[in-house]
Each structure stands twice: as structure tokens, then as C-alpha cells.
Amino acid sequence: MNALTPLSWLYGAGVAAHREVRKVPPPQDAHPRIISIGNLEVGGNGKTPLAIWLLVRALKAGESVAYVSRGYGSNVRSDVVTCVLSRGVVPTTLANLRVLSDAYALAREIGDEGALVVERVPGVNALFCRDKRRAVRLAAALGVARVFLDDAFQSWRVARHVDIVLLDAERPLDGAALLPAGRLREKADALRRANAIVFNGATTPGEVAGARAQVARWLTPGVAVAGMARRIELVHMAGDSTRADAFLAVSGIARPAAFERSLAQAGVRIAGHEIFADHHRYDAGDLTRIERRLRASQLTAVIVTEKDWVKMRRLSPPFDVWVARLEVTLIGDELPV
């Protein structure tokens, strides 16, 4: 038995009690339709790429949409909704609103993941608040058809129509151990609340079926199950198509090794990796550090993640930059969104 297992028992009991006290029933009103994109593990598991895919699809279908998130690392007061609105129209029915103009301002004030959504999904209403209920009320006041909630599977006080849960296709539930002995926020049987399961990294029907089999005992009959295949597209910020033979990778993300693997799978040769802390906010000193590393490595080009570029670009980097844009495709059941 893991030495931390007794603490996991206490943690699990606390989560269960907290859920029972704070949970709310599903919404009675069908408008707007509220969809949560969450997971059971701590850390990232593909929620932002999936949210972007769903938002883009809804907009292409002619629907108005909102993206709601707490905003990682935000120090804004819990009763303030910070937003980037598609039409810039602010309802007068809600107080304590802070309207920002673009993705860069959002990255500075709230965080990189929300800024990436704004950057990739023109026309989205992006709303950020530590109290997600206030942001949802603003979305309803805007008259949107669908609200997509980031990381809300454990947001007990926020009512929603659909719960989508992401799992890693290679290690679903990661051994099913609760914090702090493992990575799970809740017990595995919490999956019974999910309306859809998406296996991040499952690229074929066979891989989806194999991942599903590992968690099948915790799933509700009839739950939608899909895989999410990822691919990297390289975008040159200088606008031409001349590609370097090798790159210096630069990232400030939770899993830099996964970024390296994705680049290798896309046929990108990496001759070095300058790693910053997760959600790092770049400054002029960081650009100097990157330049020195480029010269020492005898390289001419840098490759970064989209989240890093959102925060770096306003500094006008004095070196050649390529962005590894992540695109996803869903394989399997249609999600009930």
C-alpha cells in the first residue's frame, strides 16, 4: 500500500461530502445549453483543444457560443467577470464586468489557455470568473445558444446539461488512485455522471475500444465514447514557407517532453529545448536568454506552442519563430452537445 493511501481515503471522503453539500440539479431551462469539458485527473488532458474544436464547429453551424473558464492563475476578484466579447456589447444587468480587447490582454491578466481560445476562435464570447456561475449568467444575458465550460466536472454549484470527461487513452485513470497517492480528483465511479467520454490520443476505432474496455465497469450504459487524434501543423510567423532543418524548441507548459514527442511525430528535428515554468509569462529578458541559446546551439529558428506564442508575440522576438499549431479530430460516437 502506498504510504499516502490513508491520506487519499481522507481526501476522498472530503470530496464526497463537499459534493453532497454544494451540488445543484441539472438546469430546467434548455437555453442556453450548457456543456462541461472536464476530467478526473489533475493537470491538462486536452480540454482546451477539444473546447476549440467544439466551439469552431458550433460557430460554423451558425450558433452563438460562449466559453467559460475560471482562468488559470487569475488574481482577479471572485465577483469580477473578465471577458472578450464577439460584438463588444455589454449587458447592463450585471455589475463587476471587465471587458478586454484581445487575446494578448487576456493572456496578461487571466492566462494563456483562455487567450488561445480567443485567438483560435474568432466570434467566441470568452468569459472568465473564479465564480463560474456569474460567467454563465453573463453568457445567458448575451443570448448565446451554447455555453462550453472549461474544467467543470467538479464545479458542483454550476448546473449543466452535458458532462464530457477526457481521459488519457494510454493510461485511463492512471491506476485509479486518489490524490495525494495518485492523480485522481475523485473516485473512478464518478465517471457514471459523464454523458460522454473522450480518450485523448486514441487515433483509431480499435484504440478507442481498447481504452473503453479499461474503464467500462464505471461507465453508464449508452454513454457516448470517442477518441481524440492530434496532429501538429507548423505555421511560420514570417509568412513564408522556408523551413529550417532543425529548431530550438521553447515552451512553458506542464509536459515539455510531450511537446518534444509531438514534434518528433510530425517530423520536426529538435536540436535543443529551452524550458520555462508552466504558464510562464515572457519578458524581454527571456528573449535574450533564448537568443543566447540559439547562438550557442548554432541554430536560426525557434518553434513554440500556441500558448507560448500568444504571450511572446507582442515582444516582437528578434529571431525566426514557427508555431506548432495543434489540430484535433474526433473518432467514434457523436458527442451529445
Foldseek 3Di string as FASTA:
>chain_A
DDPCQVVLVVLQVVLVVVLVVAADEADPDPPQAEEEEAAFFPDDFCSLQVVLVVLQVCVVVVFAEEEEEQFPPAPDDQQAKEKEALVPDFDPPHPRYHYDHALQVCCVHGFLSLSLSRVRRRRYIYIHHNLRVSVVVRVVVVVGNYYYYYHCLSVRNDHHDAYEYEAALVQGCNVQGGPPVDGGSHGLLSQQVHQEYEHEAQDDPVSQVVSCVVSVVNYDPPRFTKYKHKAWDKDWPVPDDDDDQEAEEEEAADCVVVVVVRCVVNVHHYQYYHYDHHRDQDDPVVLVVVVVVCVVSVHQEYEYESSRCSRPPVVPRPGTYMYTYMHIDMGGGDRPD
